């Protein structure tokens, strides 16, 4: 059984919440972040991507960047932009996108649950990205970025969340520049806190939806603090990391598409001939968004194709191999295009479905070789794979909307 406990969040003043809240650090590069914060000194990007406040020549992994992040976080509190809750609370974080509502509980999960696999993973992490966030968390002495967890929905929890929302005014209520609404309620009733702690203690497992690097880094810092404090008793804040938990039935996974830089020395006709051994491909007019499993759209040389996997190619008993991203990787990207490891190859790019199929056309028309529009991975697939201890191919899931950073910070020293 997994643990979720309340915490004393560092959070923005209500009047500044919309200006503090920022997209996660890993969905934009440094230059995009510099543009995003123009005219907004309150943006949490000054913490999560602190290189924007240094000379552009400074490497993003330089010690100065982490020290600047910690300094900026301290100043947000000292200047009254953010305050720390007086008592431990839970929070309800609601997002509304295109009329769809998802309500998450914000609290702290246990690093022991992560280590004992009660918080289940479905992706591998990269050592360089993990090292970056370890230094960030350690020097800031805080979990700054949100870790997006899900769980199999429990009706009693959903009903209690809905009841609190209906009977209380939100602390924050703003719509971001992308049109997504964000609302937050503070759950400060001791009875409600006790209910949520007990209810979540009956949930067998949590699943990482998004934030594998942030979760791994938070756990590594917690372990480091345990080594530094061998007399720890388990109640210290560094034994926990801030998370947002959403019921699975409210979530949506978008497609995560692929664009390859070259055809591995082949011409168009040779590539289509080899692809035809795996997929039945047909030219179609306009962008082709796949509507069912084992189909995909392909954009090649100004033409869209609808591609369906041929009979006998997919082993439906293989929870990883039957994913459409796995079929493409195992049957096309590796054996035909020679892209052995998509996590490290410079010959492939990944494009989140939120950017639309027009982005795929643009990239290919600008010089890339081909784009593949994928059918989205299902949440049931994610959970089955995590339950089995398997690993998905990289960039298999794109969750939308993204959680905003800066609304809740968890300080490790309490």
Protein backbone atom coordinates (compact mmCIF):
# COMPACT_ATOMS: atom_id res chain seq x y z
CA UNK A 1 0.00 0.00 0.00
CA UNK A 2 1.24 3.50 -0.83
CA UNK A 3 1.53 6.54 1.41
CA UNK A 4 0.32 10.06 0.69
CA UNK A 5 0.72 12.68 3.37
CA UNK A 6 -0.01 16.43 3.66
CA UNK A 7 2.73 19.04 3.65
CA UNK A 8 3.37 22.73 4.26
CA UNK A 9 3.58 24.00 0.71
CA UNK A 10 5.48 27.07 -0.34
CA UNK A 11 2.92 28.59 -2.69
CA UNK A 12 2.25 31.91 -4.44
CA UNK A 13 0.14 34.72 -3.10
CA UNK A 14 -3.31 34.27 -4.62
CA UNK A 15 -3.06 37.45 -6.67
CA UNK A 16 0.18 36.27 -8.30
CA UNK A 17 -0.56 32.58 -8.87
CA UNK A 18 -1.21 32.96 -12.59
CA UNK A 19 2.05 34.83 -13.11
CA UNK A 20 4.15 32.46 -11.01
CA UNK A 21 2.80 29.25 -12.55
CA UNK A 22 4.94 28.03 -15.45
CA UNK A 23 5.16 25.09 -17.80
CA UNK A 24 7.62 22.35 -16.73
CA UNK A 25 11.30 23.01 -17.32
CA UNK A 26 11.68 20.16 -19.79
CA UNK A 27 9.11 21.24 -22.39
CA UNK A 28 11.16 24.23 -23.58
CA UNK A 29 14.76 25.17 -24.20
CA UNK A 30 16.62 28.06 -22.57
CA UNK A 31 15.90 30.55 -25.34
CA UNK A 32 12.18 29.73 -25.32
CA UNK A 33 12.19 30.19 -21.53
CA UNK A 34 13.89 33.60 -21.87
CA UNK A 35 11.14 34.67 -24.25
CA UNK A 36 8.42 33.25 -21.99
CA UNK A 37 9.48 35.31 -18.95
CA UNK A 38 9.78 38.67 -20.67
CA UNK A 39 7.80 41.16 -18.61
CA UNK A 40 7.15 38.62 -15.87
CA UNK A 41 9.67 38.65 -13.00
CA UNK A 42 7.44 36.26 -11.01
CA UNK A 43 7.58 33.28 -13.40
CA UNK A 44 8.74 30.07 -11.76
CA UNK A 45 11.00 29.53 -14.75
CA UNK A 46 13.43 31.79 -12.86
CA UNK A 47 13.76 28.81 -10.49
CA UNK A 48 13.29 25.80 -12.76
CA UNK A 49 15.44 27.21 -15.59
CA UNK A 50 17.61 29.69 -13.72
CA UNK A 51 20.13 29.92 -16.59
CA UNK A 52 17.76 32.51 -18.09
CA UNK A 53 19.03 34.97 -15.45
CA UNK A 54 22.67 34.39 -16.38
CA UNK A 55 24.73 35.12 -19.45
CA UNK A 56 23.76 32.96 -22.42
CA UNK A 57 27.33 31.63 -22.54
CA UNK A 58 26.90 29.88 -19.15
CA UNK A 59 26.40 26.13 -19.54
CA UNK A 60 22.99 24.99 -18.30
CA UNK A 61 24.71 22.46 -16.00
CA UNK A 62 27.11 24.97 -14.50
CA UNK A 63 27.11 25.26 -10.70
CA UNK A 64 26.05 28.91 -11.07
CA UNK A 65 22.71 27.80 -12.50
CA UNK A 66 21.77 25.70 -9.48
CA UNK A 67 22.92 28.37 -7.04
CA UNK A 68 20.90 30.97 -8.94
CA UNK A 69 17.83 28.74 -8.78
CA UNK A 70 18.17 28.43 -4.99
CA UNK A 71 18.70 32.18 -4.67
CA UNK A 72 15.64 32.96 -6.78
CA UNK A 73 13.49 30.59 -4.74
CA UNK A 74 14.63 32.19 -1.48
CA UNK A 75 13.91 35.65 -2.85
CA UNK A 76 10.39 34.68 -3.91
CA UNK A 77 9.69 33.90 -0.26
CA UNK A 78 11.61 36.87 1.16
CA UNK A 79 9.82 39.31 -1.15
CA UNK A 80 6.40 37.89 -0.33
CA UNK A 81 5.71 36.51 -3.79
CA UNK A 82 5.33 33.11 -2.11
CA UNK A 83 4.48 32.07 1.42
CA UNK A 84 4.71 28.82 3.34
CA UNK A 85 1.57 27.16 4.67
CA UNK A 86 1.38 27.26 8.47
CA UNK A 87 0.16 23.67 8.84
CA UNK A 88 0.37 20.55 6.65
CA UNK A 89 -2.45 20.40 4.09
CA UNK A 90 -3.56 18.55 1.03
CA UNK A 91 -4.55 20.50 -2.06
CA UNK A 92 -6.94 19.80 -4.91
CA UNK A 93 -5.54 20.81 -8.29
CA UNK A 94 -8.10 21.05 -11.09
CA UNK A 95 -7.28 21.50 -14.76
CA UNK A 96 -9.81 22.12 -17.51
CA UNK A 97 -8.81 21.70 -21.15
CA UNK A 98 -11.30 21.76 -24.02
CA UNK A 99 -14.10 21.15 -21.53
CA UNK A 100 -12.40 18.10 -19.99
CA UNK A 101 -11.86 18.25 -16.22
CA UNK A 102 -9.25 16.40 -14.18
CA UNK A 103 -8.97 16.76 -10.40
CA UNK A 104 -5.77 15.76 -8.65
CA UNK A 105 -4.76 15.56 -5.00
CA UNK A 106 -1.46 17.28 -4.18
CA UNK A 107 0.52 15.69 -1.37
CA UNK A 108 3.82 14.00 -0.63
CA UNK A 109 4.62 10.43 -1.66
CA UNK A 110 7.19 8.24 0.06
CA UNK A 111 10.64 7.55 -1.36
CA UNK A 112 10.38 4.10 0.21
CA UNK A 113 7.27 3.39 -1.85
CA UNK A 114 9.28 4.33 -4.93
CA UNK A 115 12.18 2.10 -3.90
CA UNK A 116 9.84 -0.81 -3.10
CA UNK A 117 7.96 -0.36 -6.40
CA UNK A 118 4.64 0.73 -4.91
CA UNK A 119 5.20 3.74 -7.15
CA UNK A 120 5.56 2.05 -10.50
CA UNK A 121 7.58 3.19 -13.48
CA UNK A 122 7.30 2.53 -17.19
CA UNK A 123 10.29 4.45 -18.59
CA UNK A 124 14.06 4.39 -18.20
CA UNK A 125 15.78 7.58 -17.09
CA UNK A 126 18.88 9.15 -18.58
CA UNK A 127 21.82 9.59 -16.23
CA UNK A 128 22.62 13.13 -17.39
CA UNK A 129 19.05 14.36 -16.92
CA UNK A 130 18.80 12.64 -13.56
CA UNK A 131 22.08 14.20 -12.40
CA UNK A 132 20.83 17.65 -13.41
CA UNK A 133 17.66 17.40 -11.33
CA UNK A 134 19.53 15.84 -8.38
CA UNK A 135 21.75 18.91 -8.19
CA UNK A 136 18.78 21.21 -8.63
CA UNK A 137 16.73 19.58 -5.86
CA UNK A 138 19.70 19.25 -3.52
CA UNK A 139 20.93 22.83 -3.83
CA UNK A 140 17.42 24.33 -3.79
CA UNK A 141 16.64 22.06 -0.81
CA UNK A 142 13.20 21.57 -2.34
CA UNK A 143 11.10 19.58 -4.76
CA UNK A 144 10.24 22.31 -7.25
CA UNK A 145 8.83 20.47 -10.28
CA UNK A 146 5.56 18.51 -10.11
CA UNK A 147 5.60 14.71 -10.33
CA UNK A 148 2.46 13.50 -12.09
CA UNK A 149 1.10 10.24 -10.64
CA UNK A 150 -2.04 8.29 -11.37
CA UNK A 151 -3.93 5.47 -9.67
CA UNK A 152 -6.87 3.24 -10.44
CA UNK A 153 -9.86 5.40 -9.58
CA UNK A 154 -11.54 4.96 -6.19
CA UNK A 155 -15.17 6.21 -6.20
CA UNK A 156 -15.05 7.31 -2.55
CA UNK A 157 -12.00 9.51 -3.20
CA UNK A 158 -13.56 11.04 -6.33
CA UNK A 159 -16.80 11.75 -4.47
CA UNK A 160 -14.97 13.40 -1.56
CA UNK A 161 -12.92 15.57 -3.93
CA UNK A 162 -16.06 16.65 -5.78
CA UNK A 163 -17.81 17.44 -2.51
CA UNK A 164 -14.95 19.65 -1.30
CA UNK A 165 -14.89 21.52 -4.61
CA UNK A 166 -18.65 22.08 -4.51
CA UNK A 167 -18.61 23.44 -0.95
CA UNK A 168 -15.48 25.63 -0.98
CA UNK A 169 -14.10 28.56 -2.92
CA UNK A 170 -10.85 27.96 -4.82
CA UNK A 171 -7.67 29.58 -3.58
CA UNK A 172 -6.42 29.99 -7.17
CA UNK A 173 -8.50 30.34 -10.31
CA UNK A 174 -6.76 31.45 -13.48
CA UNK A 175 -6.56 30.60 -17.16
CA UNK A 176 -3.09 30.31 -18.65
CA UNK A 177 -2.02 31.72 -21.99
CA UNK A 178 -2.74 28.38 -23.68
CA UNK A 179 -6.39 28.50 -22.61
CA UNK A 180 -6.12 25.83 -19.92
CA UNK A 181 -7.89 26.68 -16.65
CA UNK A 182 -6.16 25.97 -13.33
CA UNK A 183 -7.94 25.97 -9.98
CA UNK A 184 -6.64 25.03 -6.54
CA UNK A 185 -8.43 24.35 -3.27
CA UNK A 186 -6.70 24.03 0.11
CA UNK A 187 -7.83 20.97 2.10
CA UNK A 188 -7.09 22.07 5.66
CA UNK A 189 -9.81 20.24 7.61
CA UNK A 190 -8.27 17.64 9.89
CA UNK A 191 -11.18 15.29 9.23
CA UNK A 192 -10.70 15.56 5.46
CA UNK A 193 -6.93 15.19 5.77
CA UNK A 194 -7.44 12.03 7.83
CA UNK A 195 -9.90 10.69 5.25
CA UNK A 196 -7.54 11.19 2.31
CA UNK A 197 -4.57 9.72 4.18
CA UNK A 198 -6.57 6.62 5.04
CA UNK A 199 -8.21 6.32 1.61
CA UNK A 200 -4.92 6.51 -0.26
CA UNK A 201 -3.32 4.03 2.15
CA UNK A 202 -5.78 1.49 0.71
CA UNK A 203 -4.65 2.16 -2.88
CA UNK A 204 -2.23 -0.67 -3.75
CA UNK A 205 0.04 1.26 -6.10
CA UNK A 206 0.66 4.63 -7.69
CA UNK A 207 1.93 4.95 -11.25
CA UNK A 208 4.22 7.61 -12.68
CA UNK A 209 2.39 9.22 -15.57
CA UNK A 210 4.91 11.98 -16.23
CA UNK A 211 8.07 13.01 -14.39
CA UNK A 212 10.28 9.91 -14.21
CA UNK A 213 13.44 12.03 -13.99
CA UNK A 214 11.97 14.31 -11.34
CA UNK A 215 10.82 11.32 -9.28
CA UNK A 216 14.14 9.49 -9.53
CA UNK A 217 16.04 12.65 -8.62
CA UNK A 218 13.84 13.36 -5.62
CA UNK A 219 14.43 9.83 -4.36
CA UNK A 220 18.20 10.05 -4.87
CA UNK A 221 18.34 13.30 -2.89
CA UNK A 222 16.26 11.69 -0.14
CA UNK A 223 18.72 8.81 0.03
CA UNK A 224 21.60 11.27 0.13
CA UNK A 225 20.03 13.09 3.07
CA UNK A 226 19.55 9.80 4.88
CA UNK A 227 23.27 9.15 4.54
CA UNK A 228 23.98 12.64 5.89
CA UNK A 229 21.57 12.09 8.81
CA UNK A 230 22.00 8.45 9.87
CA UNK A 231 19.78 9.09 12.89
CA UNK A 232 16.74 9.88 10.70
CA UNK A 233 13.44 8.37 11.88
CA UNK A 234 11.43 8.46 8.64
CA UNK A 235 9.26 11.47 9.48
CA UNK A 236 11.65 14.04 7.98
CA UNK A 237 10.50 15.84 4.86
CA UNK A 238 13.41 14.50 2.81
CA UNK A 239 11.79 11.06 3.04
CA UNK A 240 8.95 12.31 0.83
CA UNK A 241 8.51 14.07 -2.49
CA UNK A 242 5.72 16.29 -3.72
CA UNK A 243 3.29 14.63 -6.15
CA UNK A 244 -0.05 15.24 -7.83
CA UNK A 245 -2.30 12.17 -8.07
CA UNK A 246 -5.09 11.94 -10.63
CA UNK A 247 -7.55 9.05 -11.04
CA UNK A 248 -6.90 7.14 -14.25
CA UNK A 249 -10.43 7.61 -15.58
CA UNK A 250 -9.95 11.38 -15.86
CA UNK A 251 -6.69 11.33 -17.82
CA UNK A 252 -5.96 11.48 -21.52
CA UNK A 253 -2.81 10.40 -23.34
CA UNK A 254 -2.06 12.09 -26.65
CA UNK A 255 0.01 10.72 -29.50
CA UNK A 256 3.80 11.03 -29.34
CA UNK A 257 5.01 11.21 -32.93
CA UNK A 258 8.33 10.49 -34.60
CA UNK A 259 10.30 12.35 -37.26
CA UNK A 260 13.43 10.82 -38.83
CA UNK A 261 16.23 12.87 -40.32
CA UNK A 262 17.15 10.45 -43.13
CA UNK A 263 16.17 7.16 -44.75
CA UNK A 264 19.45 5.39 -43.95
CA UNK A 265 20.78 5.84 -47.48
CA UNK A 266 17.63 4.62 -49.22
CA UNK A 267 15.52 6.39 -51.78
CA UNK A 268 11.79 6.87 -51.35
CA UNK A 269 10.76 3.86 -53.44
CA UNK A 270 13.18 1.46 -51.73
CA UNK A 271 12.01 2.60 -48.31
CA UNK A 272 8.33 2.21 -49.27
CA UNK A 273 9.06 -1.30 -50.56
CA UNK A 274 10.68 -2.34 -47.28
CA UNK A 275 7.99 -0.62 -45.21
CA UNK A 276 5.39 -2.50 -47.25
CA UNK A 277 6.61 -5.76 -45.75
CA UNK A 278 5.34 -4.57 -42.34
CA UNK A 279 2.51 -2.15 -43.14
CA UNK A 280 -0.12 -1.97 -45.83
CA UNK A 281 0.26 1.66 -46.94
CA UNK A 282 -2.16 3.71 -49.00
CA UNK A 283 -1.86 7.30 -50.22
CA UNK A 284 -4.49 9.61 -48.69
CA UNK A 285 -5.44 13.24 -49.04
CA UNK A 286 -4.53 15.61 -46.23
CA UNK A 287 -3.10 14.84 -42.77
CA UNK A 288 -3.68 11.27 -41.61
CA UNK A 289 -4.40 10.87 -37.91
CA UNK A 290 -4.70 7.16 -36.95
CA UNK A 291 -8.07 6.26 -35.49
CA UNK A 292 -7.40 2.74 -34.19
CA UNK A 293 -4.62 0.54 -32.87
CA UNK A 294 -2.04 -0.83 -35.29
CA UNK A 295 -2.48 2.00 -37.74
CA UNK A 296 -0.39 5.11 -38.25
CA UNK A 297 -0.08 8.08 -40.55
CA UNK A 298 3.13 8.72 -42.47
CA UNK A 299 4.22 11.91 -44.22
CA UNK A 300 6.90 11.36 -46.84
CA UNK A 301 7.98 13.58 -49.73
CA UNK A 302 4.89 15.79 -49.51
CA UNK A 303 2.45 12.88 -49.41
CA UNK A 304 0.42 11.41 -46.52
CA UNK A 305 -0.06 7.65 -46.22
CA UNK A 306 -2.42 5.58 -44.08
CA UNK A 307 -0.49 2.55 -42.83
CA UNK A 308 -1.97 -0.57 -41.24
CA UNK A 309 0.16 -3.29 -39.65
CA UNK A 310 -0.11 -6.55 -41.58
CA UNK A 311 -1.53 -9.71 -40.06
CA UNK A 312 0.90 -11.80 -38.02
CA UNK A 313 3.31 -8.96 -37.25
CA UNK A 314 2.05 -8.11 -33.76
CA UNK A 315 2.14 -10.48 -30.80
CA UNK A 316 -0.90 -9.39 -28.81
CA UNK A 317 0.32 -11.34 -25.78
CA UNK A 318 3.37 -9.08 -25.48
CA UNK A 319 2.29 -6.01 -23.43
CA UNK A 320 5.23 -3.92 -24.68
CA UNK A 321 5.62 -5.34 -28.16
CA UNK A 322 1.97 -4.74 -29.07
CA UNK A 323 2.27 -0.99 -28.54
CA UNK A 324 2.24 0.86 -31.84
CA UNK A 325 5.37 2.78 -30.88
CA UNK A 326 7.06 -0.59 -30.27
CA UNK A 327 5.94 -1.98 -33.62
CA UNK A 328 7.41 1.04 -35.40
CA UNK A 329 10.65 0.83 -33.39
CA UNK A 330 11.14 -2.93 -33.63
CA UNK A 331 10.00 -3.43 -37.21
CA UNK A 332 11.03 -0.19 -38.94
CA UNK A 333 13.26 2.22 -37.04
CA UNK A 334 15.84 -0.37 -35.97
CA UNK A 335 15.99 -2.96 -38.77
CA UNK A 336 15.20 -0.70 -41.74
CA UNK A 337 16.39 2.77 -40.71
CA UNK A 338 19.22 1.68 -38.43
CA UNK A 339 18.09 3.71 -35.42
CA UNK A 340 19.14 1.32 -32.67
CA UNK A 341 18.59 3.44 -29.56
CA UNK A 342 16.05 6.24 -29.95
CA UNK A 343 17.00 7.58 -26.50
CA UNK A 344 20.43 8.61 -27.75
CA UNK A 345 20.21 8.74 -31.56
CA UNK A 346 20.56 12.15 -33.21
CA UNK A 347 18.69 10.87 -36.26
CA UNK A 348 15.23 10.98 -34.71
CA UNK A 349 13.07 13.66 -33.09
CA UNK A 350 9.91 13.25 -31.02
CA UNK A 351 6.93 15.57 -31.37
CA UNK A 352 4.13 15.73 -28.80
CA UNK A 353 0.64 15.39 -30.20
CA UNK A 354 -0.38 18.75 -28.79
CA UNK A 355 1.64 20.37 -31.59
CA UNK A 356 -0.59 18.81 -34.25
CA UNK A 357 0.09 17.05 -37.52
CA UNK A 358 0.86 20.36 -39.19
CA UNK A 359 4.12 20.41 -37.22
CA UNK A 360 5.07 17.06 -38.76
CA UNK A 361 4.45 18.41 -42.25
CA UNK A 362 6.49 21.50 -41.48
CA UNK A 363 9.47 19.48 -40.25
CA UNK A 364 9.51 17.17 -43.27
CA UNK A 365 8.96 20.01 -45.73
CA UNK A 366 11.92 21.78 -44.10
CA UNK A 367 14.34 18.93 -44.70
CA UNK A 368 13.51 15.97 -42.48
CA UNK A 369 12.99 12.65 -44.29
CA UNK A 370 9.72 11.26 -42.93
CA UNK A 371 7.23 11.68 -40.09
CA UNK A 372 5.13 9.02 -38.38
CA UNK A 373 1.84 9.99 -36.70
CA UNK A 374 1.23 7.40 -33.97
CA UNK A 375 -1.90 6.02 -32.36
CA UNK A 376 -1.78 7.04 -28.66
CA UNK A 377 -0.70 4.55 -26.02
CA UNK A 378 -3.60 3.64 -23.71
CA UNK A 379 -3.57 4.20 -19.96
CA UNK A 380 -4.46 0.53 -19.45
CA UNK A 381 -1.36 -0.36 -21.47
CA UNK A 382 0.76 1.89 -19.25
CA UNK A 383 -0.52 0.28 -16.06
CA UNK A 384 -0.24 -3.27 -17.39
CA UNK A 385 3.36 -2.64 -18.43
CA UNK A 386 4.24 -1.04 -15.10
CA UNK A 387 2.54 -3.87 -13.18
CA UNK A 388 4.57 -6.40 -15.11
CA UNK A 389 7.82 -4.58 -14.43
CA UNK A 390 8.34 -3.87 -18.12
CA UNK A 391 9.67 -0.72 -19.77
CA UNK A 392 8.06 1.18 -22.63
CA UNK A 393 10.04 2.55 -25.55
CA UNK A 394 11.11 6.15 -24.90
CA UNK A 395 8.58 8.88 -25.62
CA UNK A 396 5.58 6.54 -25.61
CA UNK A 397 3.15 8.81 -23.76
CA UNK A 398 2.31 12.50 -23.93
CA UNK A 399 -0.04 13.65 -21.19
CA UNK A 400 -1.98 16.84 -21.67
CA UNK A 401 -2.61 19.24 -20.02
CA UNK A 402 0.80 19.68 -18.43
CA UNK A 403 1.00 20.42 -14.71
CA UNK A 404 2.18 23.93 -13.90
CA UNK A 405 5.29 24.39 -11.81
CA UNK A 406 5.49 26.89 -8.97
CA UNK A 407 2.07 26.40 -7.41
CA UNK A 408 3.38 24.01 -4.75
CA UNK A 409 6.98 23.70 -3.56
CA UNK A 410 8.00 21.10 -0.99
CA UNK A 411 10.94 22.13 1.18
CA UNK A 412 13.10 19.18 2.23
CA UNK A 413 14.23 20.60 5.54
CA UNK A 414 10.64 21.19 6.62
